[in-house]
N, C-alpha and C. Protein backbone atom coordinates (compact mmCIF):
# COMPACT_ATOMS: atom_id res chain seq x y z
N MET A 1 -163.27 -63.62 -250.77
CA MET A 1 -163.55 -63.40 -249.36
C MET A 1 -165.07 -63.26 -249.18
N GLN A 2 -165.55 -63.70 -248.06
CA GLN A 2 -166.98 -63.65 -247.75
C GLN A 2 -167.46 -62.20 -247.59
N ASP A 3 -168.70 -61.95 -247.97
CA ASP A 3 -169.31 -60.63 -247.87
C ASP A 3 -169.41 -60.22 -246.39
N VAL A 4 -168.76 -59.12 -246.03
CA VAL A 4 -168.71 -58.64 -244.65
C VAL A 4 -170.10 -58.30 -244.11
N TYR A 5 -171.03 -58.00 -245.03
CA TYR A 5 -172.40 -57.66 -244.60
C TYR A 5 -173.29 -58.90 -244.47
N GLU A 6 -172.81 -60.03 -244.92
CA GLU A 6 -173.54 -61.29 -244.75
C GLU A 6 -173.07 -62.01 -243.49
N CYS A 7 -171.77 -61.94 -243.25
CA CYS A 7 -171.18 -62.59 -242.07
C CYS A 7 -170.05 -61.70 -241.57
N CYS A 8 -170.29 -61.03 -240.47
CA CYS A 8 -169.31 -60.10 -239.92
C CYS A 8 -168.20 -60.89 -239.22
N PRO A 9 -166.96 -60.77 -239.71
CA PRO A 9 -165.89 -61.56 -239.12
C PRO A 9 -165.48 -61.09 -237.73
N LYS A 10 -165.02 -62.04 -236.94
CA LYS A 10 -164.42 -61.76 -235.64
C LYS A 10 -162.92 -61.93 -235.82
N LEU A 11 -162.14 -60.96 -235.37
CA LEU A 11 -160.69 -60.98 -235.52
C LEU A 11 -160.08 -60.96 -234.13
N GLU A 12 -159.05 -61.75 -233.94
CA GLU A 12 -158.51 -61.89 -232.59
C GLU A 12 -156.99 -61.90 -232.62
N GLY A 13 -156.41 -61.16 -231.69
CA GLY A 13 -154.98 -61.16 -231.47
C GLY A 13 -154.70 -61.62 -230.05
N GLU A 14 -153.48 -61.41 -229.61
CA GLU A 14 -153.08 -61.85 -228.28
C GLU A 14 -153.88 -61.14 -227.18
N ARG A 15 -154.03 -59.81 -227.32
CA ARG A 15 -154.69 -59.04 -226.27
C ARG A 15 -156.09 -58.54 -226.62
N PHE A 16 -156.34 -58.33 -227.92
CA PHE A 16 -157.61 -57.71 -228.32
C PHE A 16 -158.40 -58.60 -229.28
N MET A 17 -159.70 -58.43 -229.22
CA MET A 17 -160.61 -59.10 -230.13
C MET A 17 -161.50 -58.02 -230.74
N ILE A 18 -161.77 -58.16 -232.03
CA ILE A 18 -162.67 -57.26 -232.73
C ILE A 18 -163.85 -58.11 -233.19
N ARG A 19 -165.04 -57.74 -232.74
CA ARG A 19 -166.25 -58.50 -233.09
C ARG A 19 -167.40 -57.51 -233.29
N GLN A 20 -168.44 -57.97 -233.98
CA GLN A 20 -169.56 -57.08 -234.23
C GLN A 20 -170.15 -56.59 -232.90
N ILE A 21 -170.53 -55.34 -232.91
CA ILE A 21 -171.09 -54.72 -231.72
C ILE A 21 -172.42 -55.37 -231.34
N SER A 22 -172.77 -55.27 -230.07
CA SER A 22 -174.01 -55.86 -229.54
C SER A 22 -174.63 -54.88 -228.56
N GLN A 23 -175.95 -54.97 -228.38
CA GLN A 23 -176.60 -54.14 -227.36
C GLN A 23 -176.06 -54.47 -225.97
N ASP A 24 -175.52 -55.69 -225.80
CA ASP A 24 -174.91 -56.06 -224.52
C ASP A 24 -173.68 -55.20 -224.19
N ASP A 25 -173.15 -54.51 -225.20
CA ASP A 25 -171.98 -53.65 -225.02
C ASP A 25 -172.34 -52.25 -224.54
N CYS A 26 -173.62 -51.98 -224.35
CA CYS A 26 -174.08 -50.61 -224.11
C CYS A 26 -173.36 -49.92 -222.95
N GLU A 27 -173.22 -50.60 -221.83
CA GLU A 27 -172.57 -49.98 -220.67
C GLU A 27 -171.11 -49.64 -220.97
N ASP A 28 -170.40 -50.58 -221.60
CA ASP A 28 -169.00 -50.32 -221.97
C ASP A 28 -168.91 -49.19 -223.00
N MET A 29 -169.84 -49.18 -223.95
CA MET A 29 -169.84 -48.13 -224.98
C MET A 29 -170.05 -46.75 -224.36
N LEU A 30 -170.93 -46.69 -223.35
CA LEU A 30 -171.17 -45.40 -222.71
C LEU A 30 -169.90 -44.87 -222.04
N ARG A 31 -169.08 -45.76 -221.49
CA ARG A 31 -167.80 -45.34 -220.90
C ARG A 31 -166.88 -44.73 -221.97
N ILE A 32 -166.96 -45.26 -223.19
CA ILE A 32 -166.13 -44.75 -224.29
C ILE A 32 -166.67 -43.40 -224.77
N TYR A 33 -167.96 -43.38 -225.09
CA TYR A 33 -168.55 -42.21 -225.75
C TYR A 33 -168.91 -41.08 -224.79
N SER A 34 -168.75 -41.29 -223.49
CA SER A 34 -168.91 -40.19 -222.54
C SER A 34 -167.54 -39.70 -222.04
N ASP A 35 -166.47 -40.32 -222.53
CA ASP A 35 -165.10 -39.97 -222.13
C ASP A 35 -164.70 -38.66 -222.81
N GLU A 36 -164.72 -37.58 -222.05
CA GLU A 36 -164.48 -36.26 -222.62
C GLU A 36 -163.07 -36.07 -223.16
N GLN A 37 -162.12 -36.90 -222.73
CA GLN A 37 -160.77 -36.82 -223.30
C GLN A 37 -160.71 -37.52 -224.66
N SER A 38 -161.59 -38.49 -224.88
CA SER A 38 -161.59 -39.23 -226.14
C SER A 38 -162.36 -38.54 -227.25
N VAL A 39 -163.47 -37.91 -226.91
CA VAL A 39 -164.38 -37.37 -227.92
C VAL A 39 -163.67 -36.47 -228.94
N PRO A 40 -162.74 -35.58 -228.57
CA PRO A 40 -162.08 -34.74 -229.57
C PRO A 40 -161.26 -35.54 -230.60
N LEU A 41 -160.95 -36.79 -230.30
CA LEU A 41 -160.15 -37.60 -231.22
C LEU A 41 -161.01 -38.42 -232.18
N PHE A 42 -162.32 -38.47 -231.94
CA PHE A 42 -163.23 -39.23 -232.80
C PHE A 42 -163.42 -38.52 -234.13
N ASN A 43 -163.62 -39.30 -235.18
CA ASN A 43 -163.88 -38.75 -236.50
C ASN A 43 -165.39 -38.65 -236.70
N SER A 44 -165.90 -37.43 -236.64
CA SER A 44 -167.32 -37.22 -236.87
C SER A 44 -167.57 -36.51 -238.21
N ASP A 45 -166.57 -36.52 -239.08
CA ASP A 45 -166.71 -35.90 -240.40
C ASP A 45 -167.87 -36.54 -241.15
N ASN A 46 -168.68 -35.70 -241.76
CA ASN A 46 -169.75 -36.15 -242.66
C ASN A 46 -170.81 -36.98 -241.93
N CYS A 47 -170.98 -36.75 -240.62
CA CYS A 47 -171.93 -37.54 -239.81
C CYS A 47 -173.15 -36.73 -239.39
N HIS A 48 -173.56 -35.78 -240.22
CA HIS A 48 -174.79 -35.01 -240.01
C HIS A 48 -174.82 -34.32 -238.64
N GLY A 49 -173.66 -33.84 -238.17
CA GLY A 49 -173.60 -33.08 -236.93
C GLY A 49 -173.42 -33.89 -235.66
N ASP A 50 -173.43 -35.22 -235.75
CA ASP A 50 -173.22 -36.06 -234.55
C ASP A 50 -171.76 -35.94 -234.12
N ASP A 51 -171.53 -35.61 -232.86
CA ASP A 51 -170.15 -35.52 -232.35
C ASP A 51 -169.74 -36.74 -231.54
N PHE A 52 -170.64 -37.71 -231.42
CA PHE A 52 -170.39 -38.98 -230.73
C PHE A 52 -170.08 -38.80 -229.24
N HIS A 53 -170.58 -37.74 -228.66
CA HIS A 53 -170.48 -37.54 -227.22
C HIS A 53 -171.83 -37.90 -226.62
N TYR A 54 -171.91 -39.10 -226.03
CA TYR A 54 -173.16 -39.62 -225.49
C TYR A 54 -173.02 -39.76 -223.98
N VAL A 55 -173.99 -39.27 -223.23
CA VAL A 55 -173.88 -39.29 -221.78
C VAL A 55 -175.01 -40.04 -221.08
N THR A 56 -175.94 -40.60 -221.85
CA THR A 56 -177.02 -41.38 -221.24
C THR A 56 -177.10 -42.76 -221.89
N MET A 57 -177.60 -43.72 -221.12
CA MET A 57 -177.77 -45.08 -221.66
C MET A 57 -178.78 -45.05 -222.82
N GLU A 58 -179.80 -44.24 -222.70
CA GLU A 58 -180.80 -44.16 -223.76
C GLU A 58 -180.17 -43.71 -225.08
N ARG A 59 -179.33 -42.67 -225.01
CA ARG A 59 -178.67 -42.17 -226.23
C ARG A 59 -177.70 -43.21 -226.78
N MET A 60 -177.00 -43.92 -225.89
CA MET A 60 -176.06 -44.95 -226.33
C MET A 60 -176.80 -46.10 -227.01
N ARG A 61 -177.91 -46.52 -226.42
CA ARG A 61 -178.71 -47.60 -227.04
C ARG A 61 -179.20 -47.19 -228.43
N SER A 62 -179.61 -45.94 -228.53
CA SER A 62 -180.09 -45.41 -229.81
C SER A 62 -178.97 -45.44 -230.85
N ALA A 63 -177.76 -45.08 -230.45
CA ALA A 63 -176.62 -45.12 -231.37
C ALA A 63 -176.34 -46.55 -231.82
N ILE A 64 -176.36 -47.50 -230.89
CA ILE A 64 -176.11 -48.90 -231.24
C ILE A 64 -177.22 -49.40 -232.17
N ASP A 65 -178.46 -49.03 -231.93
CA ASP A 65 -179.55 -49.39 -232.84
C ASP A 65 -179.27 -48.86 -234.25
N PHE A 66 -178.80 -47.61 -234.31
CA PHE A 66 -178.48 -47.02 -235.62
C PHE A 66 -177.34 -47.77 -236.29
N TRP A 67 -176.34 -48.20 -235.51
CA TRP A 67 -175.22 -48.95 -236.09
C TRP A 67 -175.70 -50.28 -236.66
N PHE A 68 -176.64 -50.93 -235.99
CA PHE A 68 -177.23 -52.17 -236.51
C PHE A 68 -178.02 -51.89 -237.79
N TYR A 69 -178.83 -50.85 -237.77
CA TYR A 69 -179.60 -50.46 -238.95
C TYR A 69 -178.65 -50.23 -240.13
N SER A 70 -177.57 -49.51 -239.88
CA SER A 70 -176.60 -49.20 -240.93
C SER A 70 -175.93 -50.46 -241.47
N TYR A 71 -175.65 -51.40 -240.59
CA TYR A 71 -175.07 -52.68 -241.03
C TYR A 71 -176.07 -53.43 -241.91
N MET A 72 -177.31 -53.51 -241.46
CA MET A 72 -178.34 -54.24 -242.21
C MET A 72 -178.58 -53.62 -243.59
N HIS A 73 -178.37 -52.32 -243.71
CA HIS A 73 -178.55 -51.63 -244.98
C HIS A 73 -177.24 -51.43 -245.74
N ARG A 74 -176.18 -52.07 -245.24
CA ARG A 74 -174.88 -52.10 -245.93
C ARG A 74 -174.22 -50.72 -246.04
N TYR A 75 -174.45 -49.86 -245.03
CA TYR A 75 -173.81 -48.55 -245.02
C TYR A 75 -172.41 -48.61 -244.42
N PHE A 76 -172.29 -49.32 -243.30
CA PHE A 76 -170.99 -49.50 -242.66
C PHE A 76 -171.07 -50.65 -241.67
N VAL A 77 -169.88 -51.11 -241.26
CA VAL A 77 -169.76 -52.14 -240.23
C VAL A 77 -169.16 -51.48 -238.99
N ARG A 78 -169.76 -51.77 -237.84
CA ARG A 78 -169.22 -51.25 -236.57
C ARG A 78 -168.88 -52.46 -235.70
N TRP A 79 -167.59 -52.56 -235.37
CA TRP A 79 -167.10 -53.63 -234.50
C TRP A 79 -166.84 -53.06 -233.11
N ALA A 80 -166.97 -53.90 -232.09
CA ALA A 80 -166.50 -53.58 -230.74
C ALA A 80 -165.06 -54.07 -230.63
N VAL A 81 -164.22 -53.29 -230.00
CA VAL A 81 -162.85 -53.69 -229.68
C VAL A 81 -162.86 -54.12 -228.23
N VAL A 82 -162.54 -55.38 -227.98
CA VAL A 82 -162.62 -55.95 -226.63
C VAL A 82 -161.23 -56.23 -226.12
N ASP A 83 -160.93 -55.77 -224.91
CA ASP A 83 -159.69 -56.11 -224.22
C ASP A 83 -159.93 -57.49 -223.59
N LYS A 84 -159.22 -58.49 -224.07
CA LYS A 84 -159.46 -59.86 -223.62
C LYS A 84 -159.08 -60.07 -222.16
N THR A 85 -158.20 -59.24 -221.62
CA THR A 85 -157.81 -59.42 -220.22
C THR A 85 -158.93 -59.02 -219.26
N SER A 86 -159.70 -58.00 -219.63
CA SER A 86 -160.79 -57.54 -218.76
C SER A 86 -162.17 -57.98 -219.27
N GLY A 87 -162.25 -58.33 -220.54
CA GLY A 87 -163.54 -58.67 -221.15
C GLY A 87 -164.37 -57.46 -221.52
N GLU A 88 -163.83 -56.26 -221.32
CA GLU A 88 -164.56 -55.02 -221.60
C GLU A 88 -164.38 -54.58 -223.05
N ALA A 89 -165.44 -54.01 -223.62
CA ALA A 89 -165.31 -53.30 -224.89
C ALA A 89 -164.68 -51.95 -224.56
N ILE A 90 -163.57 -51.65 -225.22
CA ILE A 90 -162.82 -50.43 -224.90
C ILE A 90 -162.79 -49.47 -226.09
N GLY A 91 -163.46 -49.86 -227.16
CA GLY A 91 -163.49 -49.01 -228.34
C GLY A 91 -164.35 -49.61 -229.42
N THR A 92 -164.43 -48.89 -230.53
CA THR A 92 -165.12 -49.40 -231.71
C THR A 92 -164.29 -49.09 -232.94
N ILE A 93 -164.53 -49.88 -233.98
CA ILE A 93 -163.98 -49.62 -235.30
C ILE A 93 -165.16 -49.60 -236.26
N GLU A 94 -165.21 -48.57 -237.08
CA GLU A 94 -166.19 -48.51 -238.16
C GLU A 94 -165.42 -48.53 -239.47
N LEU A 95 -165.93 -49.29 -240.42
CA LEU A 95 -165.33 -49.33 -241.76
C LEU A 95 -166.44 -49.36 -242.79
N PHE A 96 -166.20 -48.67 -243.89
CA PHE A 96 -167.10 -48.72 -245.04
C PHE A 96 -166.33 -48.31 -246.28
N LYS A 97 -166.83 -48.75 -247.42
CA LYS A 97 -166.21 -48.37 -248.69
C LYS A 97 -166.87 -47.09 -249.18
N ARG A 98 -166.04 -46.17 -249.60
CA ARG A 98 -166.52 -44.88 -250.07
C ARG A 98 -166.24 -44.76 -251.56
N GLU A 99 -167.27 -44.52 -252.31
CA GLU A 99 -167.16 -44.17 -253.73
C GLU A 99 -167.61 -42.73 -253.83
N ALA A 100 -166.76 -41.86 -254.38
CA ALA A 100 -167.07 -40.43 -254.38
C ALA A 100 -166.42 -39.76 -255.58
N ASP A 101 -166.72 -38.48 -255.74
CA ASP A 101 -166.15 -37.70 -256.83
C ASP A 101 -164.87 -36.99 -256.42
N ASP A 102 -164.42 -37.21 -255.19
CA ASP A 102 -163.17 -36.59 -254.76
C ASP A 102 -162.05 -37.63 -254.75
N TRP A 103 -160.91 -37.26 -254.20
CA TRP A 103 -159.74 -38.13 -254.20
C TRP A 103 -159.96 -39.40 -253.38
N PHE A 104 -160.82 -39.34 -252.37
CA PHE A 104 -161.06 -40.47 -251.47
C PHE A 104 -162.15 -41.39 -252.04
N THR A 105 -161.88 -41.97 -253.21
CA THR A 105 -162.80 -42.91 -253.82
C THR A 105 -162.11 -44.26 -253.94
N ASP A 106 -162.90 -45.33 -254.06
CA ASP A 106 -162.36 -46.69 -253.99
C ASP A 106 -161.52 -46.81 -252.70
N CYS A 107 -162.07 -46.25 -251.66
CA CYS A 107 -161.36 -46.06 -250.40
C CYS A 107 -162.25 -46.53 -249.25
N SER A 108 -161.68 -47.25 -248.32
CA SER A 108 -162.40 -47.56 -247.09
C SER A 108 -162.03 -46.54 -246.03
N ILE A 109 -163.05 -45.96 -245.44
CA ILE A 109 -162.84 -45.03 -244.33
C ILE A 109 -162.89 -45.83 -243.05
N LEU A 110 -161.86 -45.69 -242.24
CA LEU A 110 -161.75 -46.40 -240.96
C LEU A 110 -161.89 -45.38 -239.85
N ARG A 111 -162.82 -45.64 -238.95
CA ARG A 111 -162.98 -44.81 -237.76
C ARG A 111 -162.65 -45.67 -236.55
N LEU A 112 -161.72 -45.20 -235.73
CA LEU A 112 -161.35 -45.89 -234.49
C LEU A 112 -161.68 -44.96 -233.33
N ASP A 113 -162.58 -45.41 -232.47
CA ASP A 113 -162.95 -44.66 -231.27
C ASP A 113 -162.50 -45.49 -230.07
N LEU A 114 -161.63 -44.91 -229.25
CA LEU A 114 -161.08 -45.62 -228.09
C LEU A 114 -161.30 -44.82 -226.82
N ARG A 115 -161.44 -45.54 -225.70
CA ARG A 115 -161.39 -44.89 -224.40
C ARG A 115 -160.01 -44.25 -224.25
N SER A 116 -159.96 -43.13 -223.56
CA SER A 116 -158.70 -42.38 -223.47
C SER A 116 -157.58 -43.16 -222.80
N ASP A 117 -157.89 -44.06 -221.88
CA ASP A 117 -156.82 -44.82 -221.23
C ASP A 117 -156.20 -45.87 -222.15
N TYR A 118 -156.74 -46.05 -223.35
CA TYR A 118 -156.18 -46.97 -224.34
C TYR A 118 -155.55 -46.23 -225.52
N GLU A 119 -155.55 -44.93 -225.49
CA GLU A 119 -155.04 -44.12 -226.59
C GLU A 119 -153.51 -44.04 -226.49
N HIS A 120 -152.86 -45.19 -226.76
CA HIS A 120 -151.40 -45.30 -226.72
C HIS A 120 -150.92 -45.98 -228.00
N GLU A 121 -149.77 -45.57 -228.48
CA GLU A 121 -149.25 -46.05 -229.76
C GLU A 121 -149.28 -47.57 -229.89
N GLY A 122 -148.74 -48.29 -228.90
CA GLY A 122 -148.67 -49.75 -228.99
C GLY A 122 -150.04 -50.40 -229.03
N VAL A 123 -150.96 -49.88 -228.25
CA VAL A 123 -152.33 -50.42 -228.23
C VAL A 123 -153.01 -50.18 -229.57
N ILE A 124 -152.90 -48.96 -230.07
CA ILE A 124 -153.54 -48.61 -231.35
C ILE A 124 -152.96 -49.47 -232.46
N TRP A 125 -151.64 -49.61 -232.48
CA TRP A 125 -150.99 -50.44 -233.49
C TRP A 125 -151.50 -51.88 -233.41
N GLU A 126 -151.56 -52.44 -232.21
CA GLU A 126 -152.00 -53.82 -232.04
C GLU A 126 -153.44 -54.03 -232.51
N ILE A 127 -154.31 -53.07 -232.23
CA ILE A 127 -155.70 -53.16 -232.66
C ILE A 127 -155.81 -53.04 -234.18
N LEU A 128 -155.18 -52.02 -234.74
CA LEU A 128 -155.30 -51.79 -236.18
C LEU A 128 -154.60 -52.87 -237.00
N GLU A 129 -153.57 -53.48 -236.45
CA GLU A 129 -152.87 -54.56 -237.15
C GLU A 129 -153.81 -55.75 -237.38
N LEU A 130 -154.82 -55.90 -236.55
CA LEU A 130 -155.80 -56.98 -236.72
C LEU A 130 -156.72 -56.75 -237.92
N ILE A 131 -157.06 -55.51 -238.20
CA ILE A 131 -158.08 -55.22 -239.20
C ILE A 131 -157.55 -54.62 -240.50
N VAL A 132 -156.55 -53.76 -240.44
CA VAL A 132 -156.11 -53.03 -241.63
C VAL A 132 -155.70 -53.96 -242.78
N PRO A 133 -154.84 -54.96 -242.57
CA PRO A 133 -154.46 -55.81 -243.71
C PRO A 133 -155.65 -56.53 -244.36
N LYS A 134 -156.67 -56.84 -243.60
CA LYS A 134 -157.84 -57.56 -244.13
C LYS A 134 -158.87 -56.62 -244.76
N ALA A 135 -158.82 -55.34 -244.42
CA ALA A 135 -159.85 -54.40 -244.86
C ALA A 135 -159.91 -54.25 -246.37
N TYR A 136 -158.78 -54.34 -247.05
CA TYR A 136 -158.78 -54.18 -248.51
C TYR A 136 -159.67 -55.23 -249.16
N ALA A 137 -159.55 -56.47 -248.72
CA ALA A 137 -160.37 -57.55 -249.29
C ALA A 137 -161.80 -57.48 -248.76
N LEU A 138 -161.98 -57.19 -247.48
CA LEU A 138 -163.33 -57.13 -246.90
C LEU A 138 -164.20 -56.08 -247.59
N PHE A 139 -163.58 -54.96 -248.00
CA PHE A 139 -164.33 -53.86 -248.58
C PHE A 139 -163.96 -53.59 -250.04
N ASP A 140 -163.17 -54.48 -250.64
CA ASP A 140 -162.81 -54.39 -252.07
C ASP A 140 -162.37 -52.97 -252.43
N CYS A 141 -161.31 -52.52 -251.78
CA CYS A 141 -160.84 -51.16 -251.99
C CYS A 141 -159.33 -51.15 -252.25
N SER A 142 -158.85 -50.03 -252.78
CA SER A 142 -157.42 -49.90 -253.05
C SER A 142 -156.70 -49.03 -252.03
N MET A 143 -157.47 -48.42 -251.13
CA MET A 143 -156.87 -47.49 -250.16
C MET A 143 -157.72 -47.48 -248.89
N ILE A 144 -157.06 -47.26 -247.76
CA ILE A 144 -157.74 -47.06 -246.48
C ILE A 144 -157.34 -45.67 -245.98
N ALA A 145 -158.33 -44.94 -245.50
CA ALA A 145 -158.08 -43.61 -244.95
C ALA A 145 -158.67 -43.53 -243.55
N THR A 146 -157.95 -42.86 -242.68
CA THR A 146 -158.44 -42.64 -241.32
C THR A 146 -158.00 -41.26 -240.87
N LYS A 147 -158.79 -40.65 -240.02
CA LYS A 147 -158.50 -39.30 -239.54
C LYS A 147 -157.70 -39.36 -238.25
N ALA A 148 -156.74 -38.47 -238.14
CA ALA A 148 -156.00 -38.30 -236.89
C ALA A 148 -155.68 -36.81 -236.77
N VAL A 149 -156.35 -36.17 -235.83
CA VAL A 149 -156.12 -34.74 -235.61
C VAL A 149 -154.73 -34.54 -235.01
N PRO A 150 -154.12 -33.36 -235.16
CA PRO A 150 -152.76 -33.15 -234.66
C PRO A 150 -152.57 -33.50 -233.18
N ALA A 151 -153.60 -33.33 -232.36
CA ALA A 151 -153.48 -33.66 -230.93
C ALA A 151 -153.36 -35.16 -230.68
N ALA A 152 -153.68 -35.98 -231.66
CA ALA A 152 -153.65 -37.44 -231.51
C ALA A 152 -152.26 -37.98 -231.82
N LYS A 153 -151.28 -37.53 -231.07
CA LYS A 153 -149.88 -37.87 -231.36
C LYS A 153 -149.60 -39.37 -231.29
N GLU A 154 -150.16 -40.06 -230.30
CA GLU A 154 -149.95 -41.51 -230.17
C GLU A 154 -150.54 -42.24 -231.38
N ARG A 155 -151.71 -41.81 -231.79
CA ARG A 155 -152.39 -42.41 -232.94
C ARG A 155 -151.58 -42.20 -234.21
N ILE A 156 -151.08 -41.00 -234.38
CA ILE A 156 -150.29 -40.69 -235.58
C ILE A 156 -149.04 -41.55 -235.63
N CYS A 157 -148.39 -41.77 -234.50
CA CYS A 157 -147.21 -42.65 -234.46
C CYS A 157 -147.59 -44.09 -234.83
N ALA A 158 -148.71 -44.57 -234.31
CA ALA A 158 -149.16 -45.93 -234.64
C ALA A 158 -149.48 -46.05 -236.12
N LEU A 159 -150.12 -45.04 -236.69
CA LEU A 159 -150.45 -45.06 -238.11
C LEU A 159 -149.19 -45.11 -238.96
N ALA A 160 -148.17 -44.35 -238.57
CA ALA A 160 -146.90 -44.37 -239.31
C ALA A 160 -146.28 -45.77 -239.26
N ARG A 161 -146.32 -46.42 -238.10
CA ARG A 161 -145.80 -47.79 -237.99
C ARG A 161 -146.53 -48.76 -238.91
N LEU A 162 -147.80 -48.49 -239.17
CA LEU A 162 -148.61 -49.35 -240.03
C LEU A 162 -148.51 -48.99 -241.51
N GLY A 163 -147.71 -47.96 -241.84
CA GLY A 163 -147.52 -47.59 -243.24
C GLY A 163 -148.48 -46.54 -243.76
N PHE A 164 -149.21 -45.85 -242.87
CA PHE A 164 -150.06 -44.75 -243.29
C PHE A 164 -149.23 -43.49 -243.44
N THR A 165 -149.60 -42.65 -244.40
CA THR A 165 -148.94 -41.35 -244.57
C THR A 165 -150.00 -40.26 -244.59
N ARG A 166 -149.60 -39.09 -244.12
CA ARG A 166 -150.52 -37.94 -244.08
C ARG A 166 -150.86 -37.53 -245.52
N SER A 167 -152.13 -37.25 -245.74
CA SER A 167 -152.59 -36.79 -247.05
C SER A 167 -152.92 -35.30 -246.98
N ASP A 168 -152.55 -34.57 -248.02
CA ASP A 168 -152.93 -33.16 -248.12
C ASP A 168 -154.30 -33.01 -248.76
N GLU A 169 -154.84 -34.11 -249.30
CA GLU A 169 -156.15 -34.08 -249.96
C GLU A 169 -157.26 -33.86 -248.93
N LYS A 170 -158.32 -33.23 -249.36
CA LYS A 170 -159.49 -33.00 -248.51
C LYS A 170 -160.60 -33.98 -248.91
N LEU A 171 -161.26 -34.53 -247.92
CA LEU A 171 -162.43 -35.35 -248.16
C LEU A 171 -163.61 -34.40 -248.26
N ILE A 172 -164.39 -34.54 -249.33
CA ILE A 172 -165.53 -33.66 -249.55
C ILE A 172 -166.79 -34.34 -249.04
N GLY A 173 -167.45 -33.71 -248.09
CA GLY A 173 -168.65 -34.27 -247.49
C GLY A 173 -169.87 -34.16 -248.38
N HIS A 174 -170.93 -34.82 -247.97
CA HIS A 174 -172.19 -34.83 -248.73
C HIS A 174 -172.76 -33.43 -248.92
N ASP A 175 -172.40 -32.51 -248.02
CA ASP A 175 -172.90 -31.14 -248.10
C ASP A 175 -171.87 -30.17 -248.68
N GLY A 176 -170.76 -30.72 -249.20
CA GLY A 176 -169.71 -29.89 -249.78
C GLY A 176 -168.63 -29.47 -248.80
N ALA A 177 -168.80 -29.77 -247.51
CA ALA A 177 -167.77 -29.42 -246.52
C ALA A 177 -166.48 -30.17 -246.83
N LYS A 178 -165.35 -29.53 -246.54
CA LYS A 178 -164.04 -30.12 -246.78
C LYS A 178 -163.42 -30.53 -245.44
N TYR A 179 -162.95 -31.77 -245.38
CA TYR A 179 -162.39 -32.32 -244.15
C TYR A 179 -160.94 -32.73 -244.37
N GLY A 180 -160.09 -32.41 -243.39
CA GLY A 180 -158.68 -32.74 -243.49
C GLY A 180 -158.22 -33.65 -242.36
N ASP A 181 -156.91 -33.73 -242.19
CA ASP A 181 -156.24 -34.54 -241.17
C ASP A 181 -156.39 -36.03 -241.44
N TYR A 182 -156.39 -36.43 -242.72
CA TYR A 182 -156.50 -37.85 -243.07
C TYR A 182 -155.13 -38.44 -243.36
N PHE A 183 -155.01 -39.70 -242.96
CA PHE A 183 -153.83 -40.51 -243.24
C PHE A 183 -154.29 -41.68 -244.11
N VAL A 184 -153.47 -42.03 -245.09
CA VAL A 184 -153.88 -43.06 -246.04
C VAL A 184 -152.82 -44.16 -246.14
N ARG A 185 -153.31 -45.34 -246.48
CA ARG A 185 -152.43 -46.49 -246.73
C ARG A 185 -152.97 -47.16 -247.98
N MET A 186 -152.12 -47.26 -248.99
CA MET A 186 -152.50 -47.89 -250.25
C MET A 186 -152.40 -49.40 -250.12
N LYS A 187 -153.18 -50.10 -250.94
CA LYS A 187 -153.13 -51.56 -250.96
C LYS A 187 -151.74 -51.99 -251.37
N GLN A 188 -151.20 -52.95 -250.65
CA GLN A 188 -149.82 -53.41 -250.89
C GLN A 188 -149.77 -54.45 -251.99
């Protein structure tokens, strides 16, 4: 498979498209990252205190610049999730391979940030079905892990449909902090 950091793939289903983020997405991204109902569901573990709650265009542009910087330096890939019916970016997916001294090694961490009006089991399943099966090859990993807090009931149902199971293991952050609420899916 082609190196995801050399050529970022675009993935498309009937309703949603996943493509690399662009500064042109800034307005749509601000609607996502200023959505106070969505922010508590975002995974900000191990992100140096960033809670991903952005309320100004300037802060949103800065975040997108950082996502590009991170892609260029091979830290992670950030895709925009586009609803093809409206043409709007309604979320993002971040993926990266994690090599660590804890249980979550040889593992791709998947972060899905969605606007609250899209936080429904069927929508989440349809979006993740586009990327999860390909992520093992894209990131050369044996496992995918994603966080879903107990309040994210729709997300948890979608993850179960995709074959994810709750893990009791803790992800150990760069500063030694322990993070829970992860669901994992092993390579099939």
